N, C-alpha and C. Protein backbone atom coordinates (compact mmCIF):
# COMPACT_ATOMS: atom_id res chain seq x y z
N MET A 1 -11.40 -12.63 -21.37
CA MET A 1 -12.15 -11.62 -20.64
C MET A 1 -11.96 -10.27 -21.30
N GLU A 2 -12.96 -9.75 -21.91
CA GLU A 2 -12.88 -8.43 -22.52
C GLU A 2 -12.34 -7.46 -21.46
N ALA A 3 -11.84 -6.31 -21.87
CA ALA A 3 -11.16 -5.39 -20.96
C ALA A 3 -12.08 -4.91 -19.84
N GLU A 4 -12.47 -5.78 -18.95
CA GLU A 4 -13.32 -5.45 -17.81
C GLU A 4 -12.55 -5.74 -16.53
N PRO A 5 -11.82 -4.74 -16.01
CA PRO A 5 -10.94 -4.98 -14.88
C PRO A 5 -11.65 -5.48 -13.62
N LYS A 6 -12.89 -5.09 -13.38
CA LYS A 6 -13.58 -5.54 -12.16
C LYS A 6 -13.79 -7.05 -12.20
N ASP A 7 -14.06 -7.60 -13.37
CA ASP A 7 -14.19 -9.06 -13.50
C ASP A 7 -12.89 -9.73 -13.07
N LEU A 8 -11.79 -9.20 -13.53
CA LEU A 8 -10.49 -9.78 -13.22
C LEU A 8 -10.18 -9.66 -11.73
N ILE A 9 -10.50 -8.53 -11.13
CA ILE A 9 -10.25 -8.33 -9.71
C ILE A 9 -11.06 -9.32 -8.88
N VAL A 10 -12.33 -9.50 -9.23
CA VAL A 10 -13.18 -10.46 -8.51
C VAL A 10 -12.63 -11.87 -8.69
N LEU A 11 -12.30 -12.24 -9.91
CA LEU A 11 -11.76 -13.57 -10.17
C LEU A 11 -10.45 -13.79 -9.42
N GLY A 12 -9.61 -12.78 -9.38
CA GLY A 12 -8.35 -12.87 -8.65
C GLY A 12 -8.56 -13.04 -7.16
N ALA A 13 -9.54 -12.34 -6.60
CA ALA A 13 -9.84 -12.47 -5.17
C ALA A 13 -10.28 -13.90 -4.85
N ILE A 14 -11.12 -14.45 -5.73
CA ILE A 14 -11.60 -15.82 -5.51
C ILE A 14 -10.44 -16.81 -5.64
N LYS A 15 -9.59 -16.59 -6.64
CA LYS A 15 -8.44 -17.48 -6.83
C LYS A 15 -7.54 -17.49 -5.60
N HIS A 16 -7.45 -16.35 -4.92
CA HIS A 16 -6.58 -16.25 -3.76
C HIS A 16 -7.28 -16.63 -2.46
N GLY A 17 -8.41 -17.37 -2.57
CA GLY A 17 -9.02 -17.97 -1.39
C GLY A 17 -10.19 -17.27 -0.77
N VAL A 18 -10.64 -16.15 -1.32
CA VAL A 18 -11.81 -15.47 -0.78
C VAL A 18 -13.03 -16.13 -1.41
N LYS A 19 -13.81 -16.85 -0.59
CA LYS A 19 -14.84 -17.73 -1.13
C LYS A 19 -16.27 -17.28 -0.85
N LYS A 20 -16.45 -16.29 -0.01
CA LYS A 20 -17.80 -15.86 0.38
C LYS A 20 -18.11 -14.49 -0.18
N PHE A 21 -19.37 -14.32 -0.58
CA PHE A 21 -19.83 -13.09 -1.23
C PHE A 21 -19.45 -11.84 -0.43
N ASP A 22 -19.76 -11.83 0.86
CA ASP A 22 -19.51 -10.63 1.66
C ASP A 22 -18.02 -10.31 1.77
N LYS A 23 -17.19 -11.34 1.82
CA LYS A 23 -15.74 -11.10 1.89
C LYS A 23 -15.19 -10.63 0.54
N ILE A 24 -15.73 -11.17 -0.54
CA ILE A 24 -15.33 -10.71 -1.88
C ILE A 24 -15.71 -9.24 -2.03
N GLN A 25 -16.92 -8.91 -1.59
CA GLN A 25 -17.42 -7.54 -1.69
C GLN A 25 -16.55 -6.59 -0.88
N LYS A 26 -16.19 -6.99 0.33
CA LYS A 26 -15.36 -6.15 1.20
C LYS A 26 -13.97 -5.94 0.59
N MET A 27 -13.37 -7.02 0.07
CA MET A 27 -12.02 -6.94 -0.48
C MET A 27 -11.96 -6.11 -1.76
N THR A 28 -12.96 -6.28 -2.63
CA THR A 28 -12.93 -5.61 -3.94
C THR A 28 -13.57 -4.24 -3.92
N LYS A 29 -14.34 -3.92 -2.86
CA LYS A 29 -15.03 -2.64 -2.72
C LYS A 29 -16.01 -2.40 -3.88
N ILE A 30 -16.65 -3.47 -4.33
CA ILE A 30 -17.66 -3.38 -5.39
C ILE A 30 -19.03 -3.51 -4.74
N GLU A 31 -19.95 -2.66 -5.16
CA GLU A 31 -21.31 -2.69 -4.61
C GLU A 31 -21.94 -4.06 -4.81
N PRO A 32 -22.75 -4.52 -3.84
CA PRO A 32 -23.34 -5.86 -3.91
C PRO A 32 -24.09 -6.18 -5.21
N GLU A 33 -24.88 -5.25 -5.70
CA GLU A 33 -25.64 -5.51 -6.92
C GLU A 33 -24.71 -5.75 -8.11
N GLU A 34 -23.71 -4.90 -8.23
CA GLU A 34 -22.75 -5.04 -9.32
C GLU A 34 -21.93 -6.32 -9.16
N LEU A 35 -21.53 -6.63 -7.93
CA LEU A 35 -20.76 -7.85 -7.67
C LEU A 35 -21.57 -9.08 -8.06
N ASN A 36 -22.85 -9.07 -7.74
CA ASN A 36 -23.71 -10.20 -8.09
C ASN A 36 -23.74 -10.41 -9.60
N LEU A 37 -23.85 -9.32 -10.37
CA LEU A 37 -23.84 -9.41 -11.83
C LEU A 37 -22.51 -9.95 -12.34
N ILE A 38 -21.42 -9.48 -11.77
CA ILE A 38 -20.09 -9.94 -12.17
C ILE A 38 -19.94 -11.44 -11.89
N LEU A 39 -20.38 -11.87 -10.72
CA LEU A 39 -20.29 -13.30 -10.37
C LEU A 39 -21.12 -14.15 -11.32
N GLU A 40 -22.29 -13.66 -11.68
CA GLU A 40 -23.13 -14.40 -12.63
C GLU A 40 -22.43 -14.52 -13.98
N GLN A 41 -21.80 -13.44 -14.45
CA GLN A 41 -21.08 -13.48 -15.72
C GLN A 41 -19.90 -14.45 -15.65
N LEU A 42 -19.18 -14.41 -14.56
CA LEU A 42 -18.03 -15.31 -14.40
C LEU A 42 -18.48 -16.77 -14.38
N GLU A 43 -19.62 -17.03 -13.75
CA GLU A 43 -20.13 -18.40 -13.71
C GLU A 43 -20.59 -18.85 -15.10
N LYS A 44 -21.25 -17.95 -15.84
CA LYS A 44 -21.68 -18.29 -17.21
C LYS A 44 -20.49 -18.61 -18.10
N ARG A 45 -19.39 -17.92 -17.90
CA ARG A 45 -18.19 -18.15 -18.70
C ARG A 45 -17.42 -19.39 -18.27
N GLY A 46 -17.82 -19.96 -17.15
CA GLY A 46 -17.15 -21.16 -16.67
C GLY A 46 -15.89 -20.88 -15.87
N PHE A 47 -15.73 -19.64 -15.38
CA PHE A 47 -14.54 -19.27 -14.62
C PHE A 47 -14.67 -19.58 -13.14
N ILE A 48 -15.91 -19.61 -12.62
CA ILE A 48 -16.14 -19.91 -11.21
C ILE A 48 -17.30 -20.89 -11.09
N GLN A 49 -17.40 -21.46 -9.90
CA GLN A 49 -18.56 -22.30 -9.60
C GLN A 49 -18.96 -22.06 -8.15
N ALA A 50 -20.26 -22.13 -7.90
CA ALA A 50 -20.77 -22.00 -6.54
C ALA A 50 -21.01 -23.41 -6.01
N VAL A 51 -20.48 -23.68 -4.84
CA VAL A 51 -20.59 -24.99 -4.23
C VAL A 51 -21.31 -24.85 -2.89
N GLU A 52 -22.40 -25.62 -2.72
CA GLU A 52 -23.11 -25.60 -1.44
C GLU A 52 -22.44 -26.58 -0.49
N LYS A 53 -22.21 -26.12 0.74
CA LYS A 53 -21.59 -26.96 1.76
C LYS A 53 -22.42 -26.89 3.03
N LYS A 54 -22.37 -27.95 3.78
CA LYS A 54 -23.07 -27.99 5.05
C LYS A 54 -22.22 -27.28 6.10
N GLY A 55 -22.86 -26.39 6.83
CA GLY A 55 -22.16 -25.69 7.90
C GLY A 55 -22.90 -25.87 9.21
N TRP A 56 -22.43 -25.26 10.26
CA TRP A 56 -23.05 -25.36 11.58
C TRP A 56 -24.48 -24.84 11.57
N PHE A 57 -24.72 -23.81 10.80
CA PHE A 57 -26.03 -23.16 10.79
C PHE A 57 -26.79 -23.44 9.51
N GLY A 58 -26.57 -24.58 8.89
CA GLY A 58 -27.26 -24.94 7.66
C GLY A 58 -26.33 -24.89 6.46
N MET A 59 -26.93 -24.79 5.30
CA MET A 59 -26.16 -24.77 4.06
C MET A 59 -25.49 -23.40 3.85
N LYS A 60 -24.30 -23.43 3.31
CA LYS A 60 -23.60 -22.19 2.95
C LYS A 60 -23.05 -22.35 1.54
N VAL A 61 -22.86 -21.24 0.87
CA VAL A 61 -22.36 -21.26 -0.50
C VAL A 61 -20.93 -20.74 -0.52
N GLU A 62 -20.05 -21.52 -1.13
CA GLU A 62 -18.66 -21.09 -1.34
C GLU A 62 -18.43 -20.97 -2.83
N ILE A 63 -17.72 -19.94 -3.21
CA ILE A 63 -17.41 -19.71 -4.62
C ILE A 63 -15.96 -20.11 -4.85
N THR A 64 -15.75 -20.96 -5.83
CA THR A 64 -14.40 -21.40 -6.14
C THR A 64 -14.09 -21.14 -7.61
N VAL A 65 -12.83 -21.01 -7.91
CA VAL A 65 -12.39 -20.77 -9.28
C VAL A 65 -12.19 -22.13 -9.98
N THR A 66 -12.55 -22.19 -11.25
CA THR A 66 -12.34 -23.41 -12.03
C THR A 66 -10.95 -23.36 -12.66
N ASP A 67 -10.53 -24.46 -13.28
CA ASP A 67 -9.25 -24.47 -13.98
C ASP A 67 -9.23 -23.41 -15.07
N LYS A 68 -10.35 -23.27 -15.77
CA LYS A 68 -10.46 -22.26 -16.83
C LYS A 68 -10.28 -20.85 -16.24
N GLY A 69 -10.90 -20.60 -15.10
CA GLY A 69 -10.76 -19.31 -14.43
C GLY A 69 -9.36 -19.07 -13.93
N ASP A 70 -8.73 -20.11 -13.41
CA ASP A 70 -7.36 -20.03 -12.92
C ASP A 70 -6.42 -19.64 -14.06
N ASN A 71 -6.58 -20.28 -15.21
CA ASN A 71 -5.75 -19.96 -16.38
C ASN A 71 -6.01 -18.53 -16.85
N GLU A 72 -7.27 -18.10 -16.81
CA GLU A 72 -7.62 -16.74 -17.23
C GLU A 72 -6.91 -15.70 -16.38
N VAL A 73 -6.93 -15.90 -15.06
CA VAL A 73 -6.25 -14.96 -14.16
C VAL A 73 -4.76 -14.92 -14.49
N ASP A 74 -4.13 -16.08 -14.65
CA ASP A 74 -2.70 -16.13 -14.94
C ASP A 74 -2.36 -15.38 -16.23
N GLU A 75 -3.17 -15.60 -17.27
CA GLU A 75 -2.93 -14.91 -18.55
C GLU A 75 -3.09 -13.41 -18.41
N ARG A 76 -4.15 -12.99 -17.74
CA ARG A 76 -4.41 -11.56 -17.61
C ARG A 76 -3.37 -10.86 -16.74
N VAL A 77 -2.91 -11.52 -15.68
CA VAL A 77 -1.87 -10.94 -14.83
C VAL A 77 -0.58 -10.80 -15.63
N HIS A 78 -0.29 -11.78 -16.48
CA HIS A 78 0.89 -11.68 -17.34
C HIS A 78 0.77 -10.48 -18.28
N GLU A 79 -0.42 -10.27 -18.85
CA GLU A 79 -0.65 -9.10 -19.73
C GLU A 79 -0.46 -7.80 -18.96
N LEU A 80 -0.99 -7.75 -17.73
CA LEU A 80 -0.83 -6.55 -16.90
C LEU A 80 0.63 -6.28 -16.61
N GLN A 81 1.39 -7.34 -16.32
CA GLN A 81 2.82 -7.20 -16.03
C GLN A 81 3.55 -6.64 -17.25
N THR A 82 3.20 -7.13 -18.44
CA THR A 82 3.82 -6.65 -19.68
C THR A 82 3.54 -5.16 -19.88
N LYS A 83 2.29 -4.75 -19.64
CA LYS A 83 1.94 -3.33 -19.80
C LYS A 83 2.66 -2.46 -18.76
N TRP A 84 2.78 -2.97 -17.54
CA TRP A 84 3.51 -2.22 -16.52
C TRP A 84 4.98 -2.08 -16.91
N ASP A 85 5.56 -3.16 -17.43
CA ASP A 85 6.95 -3.11 -17.87
C ASP A 85 7.15 -2.06 -18.95
N GLN A 86 6.17 -1.93 -19.87
CA GLN A 86 6.25 -0.92 -20.93
C GLN A 86 6.22 0.48 -20.33
N MET A 87 5.31 0.70 -19.38
CA MET A 87 5.22 2.02 -18.75
C MET A 87 6.50 2.33 -17.97
N SER A 88 7.05 1.34 -17.28
CA SER A 88 8.28 1.54 -16.53
C SER A 88 9.43 1.93 -17.44
N LEU A 89 9.51 1.26 -18.58
CA LEU A 89 10.57 1.56 -19.54
C LEU A 89 10.44 2.99 -20.07
N LEU A 90 9.22 3.41 -20.37
CA LEU A 90 9.00 4.78 -20.84
C LEU A 90 9.39 5.79 -19.78
N TYR A 91 9.08 5.49 -18.53
CA TYR A 91 9.47 6.38 -17.43
C TYR A 91 10.99 6.49 -17.35
N LYS A 92 11.65 5.34 -17.42
CA LYS A 92 13.11 5.32 -17.28
C LYS A 92 13.81 6.04 -18.43
N THR A 93 13.19 6.03 -19.63
CA THR A 93 13.79 6.75 -20.76
C THR A 93 13.47 8.24 -20.72
N GLY A 94 12.52 8.63 -19.86
CA GLY A 94 12.20 10.05 -19.70
C GLY A 94 11.28 10.61 -20.77
N ASP A 95 10.61 9.78 -21.53
CA ASP A 95 9.71 10.23 -22.60
C ASP A 95 8.32 10.52 -22.02
N LYS A 96 8.12 11.78 -21.58
CA LYS A 96 6.87 12.17 -20.93
C LYS A 96 5.64 11.95 -21.80
N ASP A 97 5.75 12.36 -23.07
CA ASP A 97 4.59 12.28 -23.96
C ASP A 97 4.15 10.83 -24.19
N LYS A 98 5.11 9.96 -24.47
CA LYS A 98 4.76 8.56 -24.70
C LYS A 98 4.24 7.91 -23.42
N LEU A 99 4.84 8.26 -22.28
CA LEU A 99 4.38 7.72 -21.00
C LEU A 99 2.94 8.16 -20.72
N LYS A 100 2.69 9.44 -20.93
CA LYS A 100 1.34 9.96 -20.70
C LYS A 100 0.33 9.24 -21.60
N GLN A 101 0.69 9.04 -22.86
CA GLN A 101 -0.19 8.35 -23.80
C GLN A 101 -0.42 6.90 -23.37
N GLU A 102 0.64 6.23 -22.95
CA GLU A 102 0.54 4.83 -22.51
C GLU A 102 -0.35 4.73 -21.27
N MET A 103 -0.19 5.66 -20.35
CA MET A 103 -1.01 5.64 -19.15
C MET A 103 -2.47 5.94 -19.49
N GLU A 104 -2.69 6.84 -20.40
CA GLU A 104 -4.06 7.16 -20.83
C GLU A 104 -4.69 5.94 -21.50
N ASN A 105 -3.94 5.24 -22.34
CA ASN A 105 -4.44 4.04 -23.01
C ASN A 105 -4.76 2.91 -22.04
N ASN A 106 -4.06 2.88 -20.91
CA ASN A 106 -4.22 1.80 -19.94
C ASN A 106 -4.91 2.24 -18.65
N LYS A 107 -5.59 3.36 -18.70
CA LYS A 107 -6.24 3.93 -17.52
C LYS A 107 -7.18 2.93 -16.84
N SER A 108 -7.90 2.16 -17.64
CA SER A 108 -8.90 1.24 -17.07
C SER A 108 -8.28 0.05 -16.34
N ILE A 109 -7.04 -0.28 -16.62
CA ILE A 109 -6.43 -1.45 -15.98
C ILE A 109 -5.50 -1.09 -14.81
N ILE A 110 -5.31 0.18 -14.56
CA ILE A 110 -4.44 0.59 -13.46
C ILE A 110 -4.94 0.05 -12.11
N PRO A 111 -6.26 0.09 -11.83
CA PRO A 111 -6.71 -0.52 -10.56
C PRO A 111 -6.37 -2.01 -10.47
N SER A 112 -6.44 -2.73 -11.59
CA SER A 112 -6.10 -4.15 -11.58
C SER A 112 -4.61 -4.33 -11.28
N MET A 113 -3.77 -3.46 -11.84
CA MET A 113 -2.33 -3.54 -11.57
C MET A 113 -2.07 -3.34 -10.08
N MET A 114 -2.81 -2.40 -9.48
CA MET A 114 -2.64 -2.15 -8.04
C MET A 114 -3.13 -3.35 -7.24
N PHE A 115 -4.29 -3.89 -7.59
CA PHE A 115 -4.88 -5.00 -6.85
C PHE A 115 -3.96 -6.21 -6.83
N PHE A 116 -3.34 -6.51 -7.96
CA PHE A 116 -2.48 -7.69 -8.05
C PHE A 116 -1.04 -7.40 -7.61
N GLY A 117 -0.75 -6.17 -7.20
CA GLY A 117 0.58 -5.84 -6.71
C GLY A 117 1.64 -5.84 -7.79
N ILE A 118 1.23 -5.56 -9.02
CA ILE A 118 2.15 -5.58 -10.15
C ILE A 118 3.00 -4.33 -10.20
N MET A 119 2.40 -3.20 -9.92
CA MET A 119 3.15 -1.96 -10.07
C MET A 119 3.92 -1.58 -8.82
N ASP A 120 5.02 -0.92 -9.03
CA ASP A 120 5.83 -0.36 -7.97
C ASP A 120 5.21 1.00 -7.66
N MET A 121 4.58 1.12 -6.49
CA MET A 121 3.85 2.35 -6.17
C MET A 121 4.76 3.57 -6.12
N MET A 122 5.98 3.40 -5.69
CA MET A 122 6.91 4.52 -5.64
C MET A 122 7.20 5.02 -7.05
N MET A 123 7.47 4.09 -7.97
CA MET A 123 7.74 4.49 -9.35
C MET A 123 6.48 5.09 -9.97
N PHE A 124 5.32 4.51 -9.66
CA PHE A 124 4.07 5.00 -10.20
C PHE A 124 3.85 6.46 -9.79
N SER A 125 4.11 6.78 -8.53
CA SER A 125 3.93 8.17 -8.08
C SER A 125 4.98 9.09 -8.72
N MET A 126 6.18 8.57 -8.96
CA MET A 126 7.21 9.39 -9.61
C MET A 126 6.86 9.66 -11.08
N MET A 127 6.16 8.72 -11.70
CA MET A 127 5.70 8.93 -13.07
C MET A 127 4.77 10.13 -13.12
N PHE A 128 3.86 10.21 -12.17
CA PHE A 128 2.94 11.34 -12.14
C PHE A 128 3.66 12.64 -11.85
N SER A 129 4.63 12.57 -10.97
CA SER A 129 5.41 13.76 -10.64
C SER A 129 6.15 14.27 -11.88
N MET A 130 6.72 13.33 -12.65
CA MET A 130 7.45 13.69 -13.87
C MET A 130 6.54 14.40 -14.87
N MET A 131 5.27 13.97 -14.92
CA MET A 131 4.33 14.56 -15.87
C MET A 131 3.58 15.76 -15.29
N GLY A 132 3.85 16.09 -14.01
CA GLY A 132 3.18 17.23 -13.38
C GLY A 132 1.71 16.95 -13.08
N MET A 133 1.41 15.69 -12.77
CA MET A 133 0.04 15.30 -12.48
C MET A 133 0.00 14.61 -11.11
N THR A 134 -1.21 14.26 -10.68
CA THR A 134 -1.35 13.51 -9.44
C THR A 134 -1.99 12.16 -9.74
N MET A 135 -1.78 11.19 -8.84
CA MET A 135 -2.35 9.85 -9.02
C MET A 135 -3.87 9.90 -9.10
N THR A 136 -4.47 10.83 -8.37
CA THR A 136 -5.93 10.89 -8.35
C THR A 136 -6.52 11.33 -9.69
N ASP A 137 -5.67 11.79 -10.63
CA ASP A 137 -6.15 12.07 -11.98
C ASP A 137 -6.49 10.76 -12.70
N TYR A 138 -5.92 9.65 -12.24
CA TYR A 138 -6.12 8.34 -12.86
C TYR A 138 -6.80 7.32 -11.96
N VAL A 139 -6.64 7.46 -10.66
CA VAL A 139 -7.13 6.46 -9.73
C VAL A 139 -7.91 7.17 -8.62
N ALA A 140 -9.09 6.65 -8.28
CA ALA A 140 -9.86 7.20 -7.18
C ALA A 140 -9.07 7.06 -5.88
N PRO A 141 -9.09 8.08 -5.02
CA PRO A 141 -8.29 8.03 -3.78
C PRO A 141 -8.53 6.79 -2.94
N GLU A 142 -9.77 6.30 -2.88
CA GLU A 142 -10.04 5.11 -2.06
C GLU A 142 -9.43 3.85 -2.64
N ASN A 143 -9.00 3.88 -3.92
CA ASN A 143 -8.39 2.71 -4.55
C ASN A 143 -6.86 2.74 -4.50
N ILE A 144 -6.30 3.81 -3.97
CA ILE A 144 -4.84 3.89 -3.85
C ILE A 144 -4.44 3.15 -2.59
N PRO A 145 -3.63 2.10 -2.73
CA PRO A 145 -3.28 1.29 -1.56
C PRO A 145 -2.43 2.03 -0.56
N ASP A 146 -2.49 1.55 0.69
CA ASP A 146 -1.66 2.06 1.76
C ASP A 146 -0.20 1.81 1.40
N THR A 147 0.66 2.73 1.75
CA THR A 147 2.07 2.60 1.40
C THR A 147 2.81 1.57 2.24
N GLY A 148 2.16 1.09 3.30
CA GLY A 148 2.80 0.06 4.12
C GLY A 148 3.90 0.60 5.00
N ASP A 149 3.80 1.88 5.38
CA ASP A 149 4.85 2.47 6.20
C ASP A 149 4.58 2.33 7.69
N GLY A 150 3.64 1.47 8.04
CA GLY A 150 3.39 1.22 9.45
C GLY A 150 2.73 2.38 10.17
N GLY A 151 2.07 3.26 9.45
CA GLY A 151 1.38 4.38 10.06
C GLY A 151 2.26 5.59 10.29
N MET A 152 3.46 5.58 9.79
CA MET A 152 4.38 6.70 10.02
C MET A 152 3.89 7.99 9.38
N ASP A 153 3.03 7.92 8.35
CA ASP A 153 2.60 9.13 7.69
C ASP A 153 1.33 9.70 8.31
N ASP A 154 0.73 9.03 9.29
CA ASP A 154 -0.51 9.54 9.85
C ASP A 154 -0.39 9.83 11.35
N GLY A 155 0.80 10.11 11.79
CA GLY A 155 1.00 10.50 13.18
C GLY A 155 1.30 9.35 14.11
N GLY A 156 1.25 8.13 13.64
CA GLY A 156 1.51 6.99 14.50
C GLY A 156 2.98 6.92 14.86
N MET A 157 3.28 6.66 16.13
CA MET A 157 4.65 6.44 16.59
C MET A 157 5.56 7.64 16.33
N ASP A 158 5.01 8.85 16.42
CA ASP A 158 5.86 10.00 16.13
C ASP A 158 6.29 10.75 17.38
N ASP A 159 6.12 10.14 18.57
CA ASP A 159 6.47 10.85 19.79
C ASP A 159 7.94 10.71 20.16
N GLY A 160 8.67 9.91 19.42
CA GLY A 160 10.10 9.78 19.65
C GLY A 160 10.45 8.96 20.87
N GLY A 161 9.44 8.42 21.57
CA GLY A 161 9.71 7.67 22.79
C GLY A 161 9.83 6.18 22.53
N PHE A 162 10.01 5.45 23.62
CA PHE A 162 10.12 4.00 23.55
C PHE A 162 8.95 3.40 24.32
N ASP A 163 8.60 2.19 23.97
CA ASP A 163 7.52 1.50 24.64
C ASP A 163 8.09 0.22 25.24
N PHE A 164 8.21 0.22 26.56
CA PHE A 164 8.72 -0.95 27.24
C PHE A 164 7.62 -1.60 28.03
N ASP A 165 7.53 -2.91 27.99
CA ASP A 165 6.58 -3.64 28.81
C ASP A 165 7.40 -4.31 29.89
N ILE A 166 7.27 -3.79 31.11
CA ILE A 166 8.10 -4.32 32.20
C ILE A 166 7.33 -5.31 33.08
N GLY A 167 6.13 -5.68 32.67
CA GLY A 167 5.42 -6.75 33.34
C GLY A 167 4.55 -6.32 34.51
N PHE A 168 4.31 -5.07 34.75
CA PHE A 168 3.44 -4.64 35.85
C PHE A 168 2.06 -4.41 35.36
C-alpha cells in the first residue's frame, strides 16, 4: 500500500470487525464519496471483499478483509510501530532538530499511528512541548483522540460530592 494512510485506516477498521459502510464512515470520519473510492481501490487490490447476505429486510452487504488484506494491515502496523519507536528514541535523547525532522517526514502517518493506538499520547504531546509547538500543527483537532480521563477535563464530576443510590 503506497503511503496512503486513509487506506490503511479503512482496512484496519474492517479487520477489527466494522463491516458496514455507514459504520466504517462513522469510525474513520471519511466523507462517503472518498470512502467509496477507497473501498473500491482496496477491493481491486484484493484486500477486501463485499459479501451479500440475507437479512430481515432483504439483502445486505458486508465488507470483510481477505488474507492478503489482513497481512497488509499487520505489515503496515509493524512499520508504524518502528517509526514511532524511532521518534520516541529521538525524544528520549533530547535531539530536537532530528525529532522535528522525523516528525515532519512522517506527518502523513501520524493519524494512522493514533488510529491504531501505537503512539503514547502523553509522550507525543511532550514531544511537541519540547519543540515549542502544538499537536494541531501536525494533526487536525478532530483527529486527536480523547485522553480517556473519564470527562475530568470537561467539568464532569468536578463537584467534589458523592453519588449514592439508596433505592428510593
